[in-house]
Amino acid sequence: MKPVDVRIARSAEGDLLQGHAFYERQQAGIGDYFLDSLFADIDALQLYAGIHPKPLKGRLQHLHRTFATRFPFAIYYEVRDEVAVVLAVLDCRQNPASITKRLSDPRA
């Protein structure tokens, strides 16, 4: 399998910053660990993009999902012309309907 480029959409950047803020409120330094861990998982897409399942239906069926290694977060991405674009990094502890809504409208 050929390595691909990985890009992070602004919507996913916002998700990462929200996750960082949440964990920093829990304990100083955990937010930085969160970002380090999630960026390592995202970097792995260079080699593994496209092998993850596409669990959603309808107009979101093109999105792949992989789970973060150390935190309860899912990384949603699509592969476009040998580029993996991370569209969302979402906390799995929320209502599944809110996840679907967020993925349907990245500004939500």
PDB file of N, CA and C in Angstrom:
ATOM      1  N   MET A   1       0.844  -1.177   0.000  1.00  0.00           N
ATOM      2  CA  MET A   1       0.000   0.000   0.000  1.00  0.00           C
ATOM      3  C   MET A   1       0.890   1.241   0.000  1.00  0.00           C
ATOM      4  N   LYS A   2       0.572   2.186  -0.836  1.00  0.00           N
ATOM      5  CA  LYS A   2       1.350   3.408  -0.990  1.00  0.00           C
ATOM      6  C   LYS A   2       0.954   4.439   0.079  1.00  0.00           C
ATOM      7  N   PRO A   3       1.920   5.091   0.732  1.00  0.00           N
ATOM      8  CA  PRO A   3       1.579   6.135   1.708  1.00  0.00           C
ATOM      9  C   PRO A   3       0.809   7.282   1.047  1.00  0.00           C
ATOM     10  N   VAL A   4      -0.093   7.872   1.793  1.00  0.00           N
ATOM     11  CA  VAL A   4      -0.875   8.998   1.306  1.00  0.00           C
ATOM     12  C   VAL A   4      -0.570  10.229   2.151  1.00  0.00           C
ATOM     13  N   ASP A   5      -0.892  11.390   1.613  1.00  0.00           N
ATOM     14  CA  ASP A   5      -0.808  12.612   2.404  1.00  0.00           C
ATOM     15  C   ASP A   5      -2.008  12.664   3.336  1.00  0.00           C
ATOM     16  N   VAL A   6      -1.835  13.304   4.473  1.00  0.00           N
ATOM     17  CA  VAL A   6      -2.924  13.455   5.436  1.00  0.00           C
ATOM     18  C   VAL A   6      -3.128  14.937   5.688  1.00  0.00           C
ATOM     19  N   ARG A   7      -4.361  15.361   5.577  1.00  0.00           N
ATOM     20  CA  ARG A   7      -4.714  16.753   5.866  1.00  0.00           C
ATOM     21  C   ARG A   7      -5.810  16.771   6.916  1.00  0.00           C
ATOM     22  N   ILE A   8      -5.815  17.816   7.715  1.00  0.00           N
ATOM     23  CA  ILE A   8      -6.821  17.971   8.754  1.00  0.00           C
ATOM     24  C   ILE A   8      -7.669  19.184   8.402  1.00  0.00           C
ATOM     25  N   ALA A   9      -8.960  18.961   8.216  1.00  0.00           N
ATOM     26  CA  ALA A   9      -9.887  20.050   7.902  1.00  0.00           C
ATOM     27  C   ALA A   9     -10.058  20.949   9.117  1.00  0.00           C
ATOM     28  N   ARG A  10     -10.455  22.176   8.866  1.00  0.00           N
ATOM     29  CA  ARG A  10     -10.667  23.134   9.974  1.00  0.00           C
ATOM     30  C   ARG A  10     -11.666  22.608  10.990  1.00  0.00           C
ATOM     31  N   SER A  11     -12.684  21.915  10.507  1.00  0.00           N
ATOM     32  CA  SER A  11     -13.686  21.361  11.419  1.00  0.00           C
ATOM     33  C   SER A  11     -13.032  20.385  12.402  1.00  0.00           C
ATOM     34  N   ALA A  12     -12.107  19.561  11.925  1.00  0.00           N
ATOM     35  CA  ALA A  12     -11.419  18.606  12.795  1.00  0.00           C
ATOM     36  C   ALA A  12     -10.425  19.319  13.713  1.00  0.00           C
ATOM     37  N   GLU A  13      -9.803  20.387  13.218  1.00  0.00           N
ATOM     38  CA  GLU A  13      -8.914  21.182  14.085  1.00  0.00           C
ATOM     39  C   GLU A  13      -9.698  21.701  15.288  1.00  0.00           C
ATOM     40  N   GLY A  14     -10.902  22.190  15.031  1.00  0.00           N
ATOM     41  CA  GLY A  14     -11.754  22.665  16.122  1.00  0.00           C
ATOM     42  C   GLY A  14     -12.086  21.559  17.100  1.00  0.00           C
ATOM     43  N   ASP A  15     -12.364  20.366  16.593  1.00  0.00           N
ATOM     44  CA  ASP A  15     -12.646  19.230  17.470  1.00  0.00           C
ATOM     45  C   ASP A  15     -11.445  18.921  18.363  1.00  0.00           C
ATOM     46  N   LEU A  16     -10.255  18.939  17.774  1.00  0.00           N
ATOM     47  CA  LEU A  16      -9.046  18.660  18.547  1.00  0.00           C
ATOM     48  C   LEU A  16      -8.822  19.717  19.630  1.00  0.00           C
ATOM     49  N   LEU A  17      -9.067  20.970  19.296  1.00  0.00           N
ATOM     50  CA  LEU A  17      -8.902  22.039  20.290  1.00  0.00           C
ATOM     51  C   LEU A  17      -9.927  21.914  21.415  1.00  0.00           C
ATOM     52  N   GLN A  18     -11.140  21.531  21.082  1.00  0.00           N
ATOM     53  CA  GLN A  18     -12.160  21.321  22.122  1.00  0.00           C
ATOM     54  C   GLN A  18     -11.770  20.165  23.037  1.00  0.00           C
ATOM     55  N   GLY A  19     -11.263  19.079  22.448  1.00  0.00           N
ATOM     56  CA  GLY A  19     -10.808  17.948  23.252  1.00  0.00           C
ATOM     57  C   GLY A  19      -9.653  18.328  24.163  1.00  0.00           C
ATOM     58  N   HIS A  20      -8.725  19.104  23.628  1.00  0.00           N
ATOM     59  CA  HIS A  20      -7.594  19.586  24.431  1.00  0.00           C
ATOM     60  C   HIS A  20      -8.094  20.402  25.617  1.00  0.00           C
ATOM     61  N   ALA A  21      -8.996  21.328  25.359  1.00  0.00           N
ATOM     62  CA  ALA A  21      -9.526  22.180  26.439  1.00  0.00           C
ATOM     63  C   ALA A  21     -10.237  21.336  27.499  1.00  0.00           C
ATOM     64  N   PHE A  22     -11.022  20.362  27.068  1.00  0.00           N
ATOM     65  CA  PHE A  22     -11.741  19.496  28.008  1.00  0.00           C
ATOM     66  C   PHE A  22     -10.761  18.778  28.931  1.00  0.00           C
ATOM     67  N   TYR A  23      -9.739  18.156  28.359  1.00  0.00           N
ATOM     68  CA  TYR A  23      -8.803  17.386  29.177  1.00  0.00           C
ATOM     69  C   TYR A  23      -7.894  18.279  30.018  1.00  0.00           C
ATOM     70  N   GLU A  24      -7.596  19.474  29.554  1.00  0.00           N
ATOM     71  CA  GLU A  24      -6.808  20.407  30.376  1.00  0.00           C
ATOM     72  C   GLU A  24      -7.599  20.839  31.613  1.00  0.00           C
ATOM     73  N   ARG A  25      -8.930  20.943  31.469  1.00  0.00           N
ATOM     74  CA  ARG A  25      -9.759  21.282  32.637  1.00  0.00           C
ATOM     75  C   ARG A  25      -9.757  20.146  33.655  1.00  0.00           C
ATOM     76  N   GLN A  26      -9.551  18.918  33.195  1.00  0.00           N
ATOM     77  CA  GLN A  26      -9.517  17.775  34.106  1.00  0.00           C
ATOM     78  C   GLN A  26      -8.223  17.780  34.920  1.00  0.00           C
ATOM     79  N   GLN A  27      -7.107  18.008  34.224  1.00  0.00           N
ATOM     80  CA  GLN A  27      -5.798  18.050  34.883  1.00  0.00           C
ATOM     81  C   GLN A  27      -4.785  18.665  33.916  1.00  0.00           C
ATOM     82  N   ALA A  28      -3.991  19.577  34.416  1.00  0.00           N
ATOM     83  CA  ALA A  28      -2.985  20.241  33.577  1.00  0.00           C
ATOM     84  C   ALA A  28      -2.054  19.210  32.950  1.00  0.00           C
ATOM     85  N   GLY A  29      -1.837  19.355  31.648  1.00  0.00           N
ATOM     86  CA  GLY A  29      -0.933  18.466  30.929  1.00  0.00           C
ATOM     87  C   GLY A  29      -1.636  17.344  30.183  1.00  0.00           C
ATOM     88  N   ILE A  30      -2.830  16.981  30.619  1.00  0.00           N
ATOM     89  CA  ILE A  30      -3.552  15.888  29.951  1.00  0.00           C
ATOM     90  C   ILE A  30      -4.008  16.331  28.558  1.00  0.00           C
ATOM     91  N   GLY A  31      -4.324  17.606  28.405  1.00  0.00           N
ATOM     92  CA  GLY A  31      -4.719  18.108  27.091  1.00  0.00           C
ATOM     93  C   GLY A  31      -3.597  17.971  26.077  1.00  0.00           C
ATOM     94  N   ASP A  32      -2.371  18.247  26.507  1.00  0.00           N
ATOM     95  CA  ASP A  32      -1.227  18.079  25.603  1.00  0.00           C
ATOM     96  C   ASP A  32      -1.022  16.609  25.249  1.00  0.00           C
ATOM     97  N   TYR A  33      -1.202  15.736  26.239  1.00  0.00           N
ATOM     98  CA  TYR A  33      -1.095  14.295  25.988  1.00  0.00           C
ATOM     99  C   TYR A  33      -2.182  13.850  25.006  1.00  0.00           C
ATOM    100  N   PHE A  34      -3.385  14.403  25.167  1.00  0.00           N
ATOM    101  CA  PHE A  34      -4.487  14.122  24.247  1.00  0.00           C
ATOM    102  C   PHE A  34      -4.086  14.470  22.808  1.00  0.00           C
ATOM    103  N   LEU A  35      -3.569  15.683  22.612  1.00  0.00           N
ATOM    104  CA  LEU A  35      -3.180  16.092  21.258  1.00  0.00           C
ATOM    105  C   LEU A  35      -2.065  15.219  20.706  1.00  0.00           C
ATOM    106  N   ASP A  36      -1.045  14.931  21.511  1.00  0.00           N
ATOM    107  CA  ASP A  36       0.055  14.073  21.055  1.00  0.00           C
ATOM    108  C   ASP A  36      -0.473  12.710  20.609  1.00  0.00           C
ATOM    109  N   SER A  37      -1.369  12.154  21.408  1.00  0.00           N
ATOM    110  CA  SER A  37      -1.923  10.839  21.117  1.00  0.00           C
ATOM    111  C   SER A  37      -2.773  10.857  19.845  1.00  0.00           C
ATOM    112  N   LEU A  38      -3.655  11.859  19.731  1.00  0.00           N
ATOM    113  CA  LEU A  38      -4.527  11.934  18.555  1.00  0.00           C
ATOM    114  C   LEU A  38      -3.733  12.221  17.287  1.00  0.00           C
ATOM    115  N   PHE A  39      -2.721  13.062  17.372  1.00  0.00           N
ATOM    116  CA  PHE A  39      -1.893  13.329  16.185  1.00  0.00           C
ATOM    117  C   PHE A  39      -1.136  12.074  15.757  1.00  0.00           C
ATOM    118  N   ALA A  40      -0.724  11.244  16.703  1.00  0.00           N
ATOM    119  CA  ALA A  40      -0.072   9.978  16.344  1.00  0.00           C
ATOM    120  C   ALA A  40      -1.061   9.074  15.604  1.00  0.00           C
ATOM    121  N   ASP A  41      -2.307   9.025  16.086  1.00  0.00           N
ATOM    122  CA  ASP A  41      -3.329   8.219  15.407  1.00  0.00           C
ATOM    123  C   ASP A  41      -3.623   8.772  14.017  1.00  0.00           C
ATOM    124  N   ILE A  42      -3.671  10.080  13.891  1.00  0.00           N
ATOM    125  CA  ILE A  42      -3.926  10.707  12.588  1.00  0.00           C
ATOM    126  C   ILE A  42      -2.740  10.478  11.651  1.00  0.00           C
ATOM    127  N   ASP A  43      -1.527  10.588  12.168  1.00  0.00           N
ATOM    128  CA  ASP A  43      -0.333  10.335  11.345  1.00  0.00           C
ATOM    129  C   ASP A  43      -0.318   8.911  10.790  1.00  0.00           C
ATOM    130  N   ALA A  44      -0.880   7.969  11.541  1.00  0.00           N
ATOM    131  CA  ALA A  44      -0.926   6.572  11.084  1.00  0.00           C
ATOM    132  C   ALA A  44      -1.749   6.425   9.802  1.00  0.00           C
ATOM    133  N   LEU A  45      -2.595   7.391   9.523  1.00  0.00           N
ATOM    134  CA  LEU A  45      -3.387   7.330   8.293  1.00  0.00           C
ATOM    135  C   LEU A  45      -2.500   7.399   7.048  1.00  0.00           C
ATOM    136  N   GLN A  46      -1.295   7.917   7.181  1.00  0.00           N
ATOM    137  CA  GLN A  46      -0.373   7.931   6.035  1.00  0.00           C
ATOM    138  C   GLN A  46      -0.210   6.521   5.471  1.00  0.00           C
ATOM    139  N   LEU A  47      -0.196   5.541   6.353  1.00  0.00           N
ATOM    140  CA  LEU A  47      -0.010   4.158   5.923  1.00  0.00           C
ATOM    141  C   LEU A  47      -1.315   3.374   5.838  1.00  0.00           C
ATOM    142  N   TYR A  48      -2.292   3.712   6.670  1.00  0.00           N
ATOM    143  CA  TYR A  48      -3.472   2.865   6.802  1.00  0.00           C
ATOM    144  C   TYR A  48      -4.771   3.485   6.289  1.00  0.00           C
ATOM    145  N   ALA A  49      -4.709   4.647   5.676  1.00  0.00           N
ATOM    146  CA  ALA A  49      -5.932   5.292   5.173  1.00  0.00           C
ATOM    147  C   ALA A  49      -6.640   4.377   4.183  1.00  0.00           C
ATOM    148  N   GLY A  50      -7.923   4.250   4.370  1.00  0.00           N
ATOM    149  CA  GLY A  50      -8.744   3.467   3.464  1.00  0.00           C
ATOM    150  C   GLY A  50      -9.050   2.063   3.939  1.00  0.00           C
ATOM    151  N   ILE A  51      -8.342   1.573   4.967  1.00  0.00           N
ATOM    152  CA  ILE A  51      -8.612   0.209   5.434  1.00  0.00           C
ATOM    153  C   ILE A  51      -9.704   0.157   6.496  1.00  0.00           C
ATOM    154  N   HIS A  52     -10.070   1.300   7.043  1.00  0.00           N
ATOM    155  CA  HIS A  52     -11.051   1.350   8.127  1.00  0.00           C
ATOM    156  C   HIS A  52     -12.469   1.253   7.572  1.00  0.00           C
ATOM    157  N   PRO A  53     -13.397   0.769   8.395  1.00  0.00           N
ATOM    158  CA  PRO A  53     -14.771   0.608   7.923  1.00  0.00           C
ATOM    159  C   PRO A  53     -15.447   1.937   7.621  1.00  0.00           C
ATOM    160  N   LYS A  54     -16.495   1.850   6.823  1.00  0.00           N
ATOM    161  CA  LYS A  54     -17.370   2.983   6.510  1.00  0.00           C
ATOM    162  C   LYS A  54     -18.719   2.665   7.154  1.00  0.00           C
ATOM    163  N   PRO A  55     -18.889   3.026   8.430  1.00  0.00           N
ATOM    164  CA  PRO A  55     -20.059   2.551   9.179  1.00  0.00           C
ATOM    165  C   PRO A  55     -21.351   3.330   8.945  1.00  0.00           C
ATOM    166  N   LEU A  56     -21.278   4.457   8.290  1.00  0.00           N
ATOM    167  CA  LEU A  56     -22.456   5.318   8.167  1.00  0.00           C
ATOM    168  C   LEU A  56     -23.214   5.035   6.875  1.00  0.00           C
ATOM    169  N   LYS A  57     -24.457   5.432   6.865  1.00  0.00           N
ATOM    170  CA  LYS A  57     -25.327   5.201   5.711  1.00  0.00           C
ATOM    171  C   LYS A  57     -25.650   6.523   5.025  1.00  0.00           C
ATOM    172  N   GLY A  58     -26.288   6.415   3.879  1.00  0.00           N
ATOM    173  CA  GLY A  58     -26.752   7.597   3.163  1.00  0.00           C
ATOM    174  C   GLY A  58     -25.622   8.438   2.634  1.00  0.00           C
ATOM    175  N   ARG A  59     -25.791   9.754   2.741  1.00  0.00           N
ATOM    176  CA  ARG A  59     -24.792  10.650   2.162  1.00  0.00           C
ATOM    177  C   ARG A  59     -23.485  10.706   2.937  1.00  0.00           C
ATOM    178  N   LEU A  60     -23.411  10.005   4.068  1.00  0.00           N
ATOM    179  CA  LEU A  60     -22.164   9.941   4.842  1.00  0.00           C
ATOM    180  C   LEU A  60     -21.437   8.615   4.644  1.00  0.00           C
ATOM    181  N   GLN A  61     -21.914   7.801   3.718  1.00  0.00           N
ATOM    182  CA  GLN A  61     -21.350   6.460   3.544  1.00  0.00           C
ATOM    183  C   GLN A  61     -19.924   6.450   3.007  1.00  0.00           C
ATOM    184  N   HIS A  62     -19.430   7.574   2.562  1.00  0.00           N
ATOM    185  CA  HIS A  62     -18.051   7.661   2.055  1.00  0.00           C
ATOM    186  C   HIS A  62     -17.020   7.855   3.164  1.00  0.00           C
ATOM    187  N   LEU A  63     -17.471   8.117   4.388  1.00  0.00           N
ATOM    188  CA  LEU A  63     -16.549   8.405   5.488  1.00  0.00           C
ATOM    189  C   LEU A  63     -16.037   7.135   6.153  1.00  0.00           C
ATOM    190  N   HIS A  64     -14.735   7.080   6.322  1.00  0.00           N
ATOM    191  CA  HIS A  64     -14.106   6.004   7.080  1.00  0.00           C
ATOM    192  C   HIS A  64     -14.050   6.446   8.541  1.00  0.00           C
ATOM    193  N   ARG A  65     -14.022   5.441   9.440  1.00  0.00           N
ATOM    194  CA  ARG A  65     -13.895   5.743  10.867  1.00  0.00           C
ATOM    195  C   ARG A  65     -12.840   4.842  11.482  1.00  0.00           C
ATOM    196  N   THR A  66     -11.952   5.458  12.249  1.00  0.00           N
ATOM    197  CA  THR A  66     -11.003   4.721  13.066  1.00  0.00           C
ATOM    198  C   THR A  66     -11.084   5.279  14.479  1.00  0.00           C
ATOM    199  N   PHE A  67     -10.721   4.466  15.434  1.00  0.00           N
ATOM    200  CA  PHE A  67     -10.800   4.900  16.824  1.00  0.00           C
ATOM    201  C   PHE A  67      -9.428   5.284  17.347  1.00  0.00           C
ATOM    202  N   ALA A  68      -9.410   6.316  18.180  1.00  0.00           N
ATOM    203  CA  ALA A  68      -8.177   6.742  18.821  1.00  0.00           C
ATOM    204  C   ALA A  68      -7.676   5.621  19.742  1.00  0.00           C
ATOM    205  N   THR A  69      -6.389   5.547  19.888  1.00  0.00           N
ATOM    206  CA  THR A  69      -5.782   4.474  20.681  1.00  0.00           C
ATOM    207  C   THR A  69      -5.990   4.670  22.176  1.00  0.00           C
ATOM    208  N   ARG A  70      -5.846   5.900  22.669  1.00  0.00           N
ATOM    209  CA  ARG A  70      -5.821   6.120  24.116  1.00  0.00           C
ATOM    210  C   ARG A  70      -6.987   6.921  24.673  1.00  0.00           C
ATOM    211  N   PHE A  71      -7.831   7.454  23.829  1.00  0.00           N
ATOM    212  CA  PHE A  71      -8.955   8.275  24.283  1.00  0.00           C
ATOM    213  C   PHE A  71     -10.224   7.798  23.581  1.00  0.00           C
ATOM    214  N   PRO A  72     -11.392   8.042  24.191  1.00  0.00           N
ATOM    215  CA  PRO A  72     -12.648   7.571  23.582  1.00  0.00           C
ATOM    216  C   PRO A  72     -13.124   8.482  22.448  1.00  0.00           C
ATOM    217  N   PHE A  73     -12.311   8.599  21.420  1.00  0.00           N
ATOM    218  CA  PHE A  73     -12.614   9.463  20.286  1.00  0.00           C
ATOM    219  C   PHE A  73     -12.548   8.663  18.993  1.00  0.00           C
ATOM    220  N   ALA A  74     -13.363   9.085  18.026  1.00  0.00           N
ATOM    221  CA  ALA A  74     -13.348   8.489  16.696  1.00  0.00           C
ATOM    222  C   ALA A  74     -12.856   9.535  15.701  1.00  0.00           C
ATOM    223  N   ILE A  75     -12.083   9.078  14.744  1.00  0.00           N
ATOM    224  CA  ILE A  75     -11.545   9.941  13.695  1.00  0.00           C
ATOM    225  C   ILE A  75     -12.282   9.587  12.408  1.00  0.00           C
ATOM    226  N   TYR A  76     -12.982  10.564  11.860  1.00  0.00           N
ATOM    227  CA  TYR A  76     -13.725  10.369  10.610  1.00  0.00           C
ATOM    228  C   TYR A  76     -12.955  11.049   9.485  1.00  0.00           C
ATOM    229  N   TYR A  77     -12.753  10.307   8.406  1.00  0.00           N
ATOM    230  CA  TYR A  77     -11.981  10.851   7.291  1.00  0.00           C
ATOM    231  C   TYR A  77     -12.492  10.287   5.975  1.00  0.00           C
ATOM    232  N   GLU A  78     -12.087  10.948   4.904  1.00  0.00           N
ATOM    233  CA  GLU A  78     -12.357  10.443   3.570  1.00  0.00           C
ATOM    234  C   GLU A  78     -11.059  10.455   2.783  1.00  0.00           C
ATOM    235  N   VAL A  79     -10.994   9.605   1.777  1.00  0.00           N
ATOM    236  CA  VAL A  79      -9.812   9.539   0.930  1.00  0.00           C
ATOM    237  C   VAL A  79     -10.192  10.136  -0.420  1.00  0.00           C
ATOM    238  N   ARG A  80      -9.456  11.181  -0.788  1.00  0.00           N
ATOM    239  CA  ARG A  80      -9.666  11.872  -2.066  1.00  0.00           C
ATOM    240  C   ARG A  80      -8.342  11.921  -2.812  1.00  0.00           C
ATOM    241  N   ASP A  81      -8.278  11.276  -3.961  1.00  0.00           N
ATOM    242  CA  ASP A  81      -7.079  11.357  -4.803  1.00  0.00           C
ATOM    243  C   ASP A  81      -5.788  11.173  -4.007  1.00  0.00           C
ATOM    244  N   GLU A  82      -5.691  10.085  -3.284  1.00  0.00           N
ATOM    245  CA  GLU A  82      -4.511   9.724  -2.506  1.00  0.00           C
ATOM    246  C   GLU A  82      -4.179  10.726  -1.397  1.00  0.00           C
ATOM    247  N   VAL A  83      -5.208  11.403  -0.893  1.00  0.00           N
ATOM    248  CA  VAL A  83      -5.082  12.285   0.265  1.00  0.00           C
ATOM    249  C   VAL A  83      -6.163  11.892   1.257  1.00  0.00           C
ATOM    250  N   ALA A  84      -5.773  11.626   2.481  1.00  0.00           N
ATOM    251  CA  ALA A  84      -6.735  11.351   3.544  1.00  0.00           C
ATOM    252  C   ALA A  84      -7.060  12.682   4.213  1.00  0.00           C
ATOM    253  N   VAL A  85      -8.327  13.050   4.187  1.00  0.00           N
ATOM    254  CA  VAL A  85      -8.768  14.314   4.772  1.00  0.00           C
ATOM    255  C   VAL A  85      -9.562  13.996   6.037  1.00  0.00           C
ATOM    256  N   VAL A  86      -9.028  14.389   7.185  1.00  0.00           N
ATOM    257  CA  VAL A  86      -9.705  14.179   8.459  1.00  0.00           C
ATOM    258  C   VAL A  86     -10.752  15.279   8.594  1.00  0.00           C
ATOM    259  N   LEU A  87     -12.014  14.878   8.669  1.00  0.00           N
ATOM    260  CA  LEU A  87     -13.115  15.828   8.720  1.00  0.00           C
ATOM    261  C   LEU A  87     -13.633  16.067  10.128  1.00  0.00           C
ATOM    262  N   ALA A  88     -13.470  15.078  10.999  1.00  0.00           N
ATOM    263  CA  ALA A  88     -13.979  15.227  12.363  1.00  0.00           C
ATOM    264  C   ALA A  88     -13.221  14.304  13.302  1.00  0.00           C
ATOM    265  N   VAL A  89     -13.081  14.755  14.540  1.00  0.00           N
ATOM    266  CA  VAL A  89     -12.501  13.962  15.619  1.00  0.00           C
ATOM    267  C   VAL A  89     -13.483  14.114  16.779  1.00  0.00           C
ATOM    268  N   LEU A  90     -14.319  13.093  16.976  1.00  0.00           N
ATOM    269  CA  LEU A  90     -15.470  13.240  17.867  1.00  0.00           C
ATOM    270  C   LEU A  90     -15.408  12.304  19.064  1.00  0.00           C
ATOM    271  N   ASP A  91     -15.882  12.820  20.184  1.00  0.00           N
ATOM    272  CA  ASP A  91     -15.986  12.061  21.420  1.00  0.00           C
ATOM    273  C   ASP A  91     -17.063  10.988  21.244  1.00  0.00           C
ATOM    274  N   CYS A  92     -16.717   9.751  21.488  1.00  0.00           N
ATOM    275  CA  CYS A  92     -17.662   8.635  21.314  1.00  0.00           C
ATOM    276  C   CYS A  92     -18.684   8.544  22.445  1.00  0.00           C
ATOM    277  N   ARG A  93     -18.521   9.346  23.479  1.00  0.00           N
ATOM    278  CA  ARG A  93     -19.429   9.274  24.621  1.00  0.00           C
ATOM    279  C   ARG A  93     -20.660  10.151  24.450  1.00  0.00           C
ATOM    280  N   GLN A  94     -20.907  10.636  23.263  1.00  0.00           N
ATOM    281  CA  GLN A  94     -22.078  11.474  23.021  1.00  0.00           C
ATOM    282  C   GLN A  94     -23.158  10.684  22.294  1.00  0.00           C
ATOM    283  N   ASN A  95     -24.335  11.263  22.227  1.00  0.00           N
ATOM    284  CA  ASN A  95     -25.463  10.650  21.553  1.00  0.00           C
ATOM    285  C   ASN A  95     -25.109  10.401  20.081  1.00  0.00           C
ATOM    286  N   PRO A  96     -25.320   9.193  19.572  1.00  0.00           N
ATOM    287  CA  PRO A  96     -25.003   8.919  18.172  1.00  0.00           C
ATOM    288  C   PRO A  96     -25.707   9.855  17.190  1.00  0.00           C
ATOM    289  N   ALA A  97     -26.890  10.319  17.537  1.00  0.00           N
ATOM    290  CA  ALA A  97     -27.600  11.252  16.652  1.00  0.00           C
ATOM    291  C   ALA A  97     -26.838  12.569  16.537  1.00  0.00           C
ATOM    292  N   SER A  98     -26.204  13.009  17.619  1.00  0.00           N
ATOM    293  CA  SER A  98     -25.433  14.258  17.548  1.00  0.00           C
ATOM    294  C   SER A  98     -24.168  14.068  16.714  1.00  0.00           C
ATOM    295  N   ILE A  99     -23.614  12.865  16.709  1.00  0.00           N
ATOM    296  CA  ILE A  99     -22.450  12.581  15.870  1.00  0.00           C
ATOM    297  C   ILE A  99     -22.856  12.663  14.405  1.00  0.00           C
ATOM    298  N   THR A 100     -23.974  12.036  14.061  1.00  0.00           N
ATOM    299  CA  THR A 100     -24.457  12.071  12.683  1.00  0.00           C
ATOM    300  C   THR A 100     -24.764  13.499  12.258  1.00  0.00           C
ATOM    301  N   LYS A 101     -25.379  14.262  13.144  1.00  0.00           N
ATOM    302  CA  LYS A 101     -25.694  15.661  12.827  1.00  0.00           C
ATOM    303  C   LYS A 101     -24.415  16.455  12.587  1.00  0.00           C
ATOM    304  N   ARG A 102     -23.432  16.277  13.436  1.00  0.00           N
ATOM    305  CA  ARG A 102     -22.162  16.995  13.313  1.00  0.00           C
ATOM    306  C   ARG A 102     -21.464  16.639  12.000  1.00  0.00           C
ATOM    307  N   LEU A 103     -21.508  15.374  11.624  1.00  0.00           N
ATOM    308  CA  LEU A 103     -20.870  14.953  10.388  1.00  0.00           C
ATOM    309  C   LEU A 103     -21.626  15.465   9.154  1.00  0.00           C
ATOM    310  N   SER A 104     -22.926  15.619   9.284  1.00  0.00           N
ATOM    311  CA  SER A 104     -23.733  16.132   8.181  1.00  0.00           C
ATOM    312  C   SER A 104     -23.490  17.610   7.948  1.00  0.00           C
ATOM    313  N   ASP A 105     -23.190  18.332   9.027  1.00  0.00           N
ATOM    314  CA  ASP A 105     -22.948  19.775   8.936  1.00  0.00           C
ATOM    315  C   ASP A 105     -21.689  20.088   9.747  1.00  0.00           C
ATOM    316  N   PRO A 106     -20.522  20.148   9.106  1.00  0.00           N
ATOM    317  CA  PRO A 106     -19.256  20.352   9.811  1.00  0.00           C
ATOM    318  C   PRO A 106     -19.213  21.616  10.667  1.00  0.00           C
ATOM    319  N   ARG A 107     -20.076  22.576  10.399  1.00  0.00           N
ATOM    320  CA  ARG A 107     -20.062  23.813  11.200  1.00  0.00           C
ATOM    321  C   ARG A 107     -20.849  23.650  12.486  1.00  0.00           C
ATOM    322  N   ALA A 108     -21.593  22.544  12.634  1.00  0.00           N
ATOM    323  CA  ALA A 108     -22.435  22.342  13.816  1.00  0.00           C
ATOM    324  C   ALA A 108     -21.607  22.102  15.050  1.00  0.00           C
TER     325      ALA A 108
END
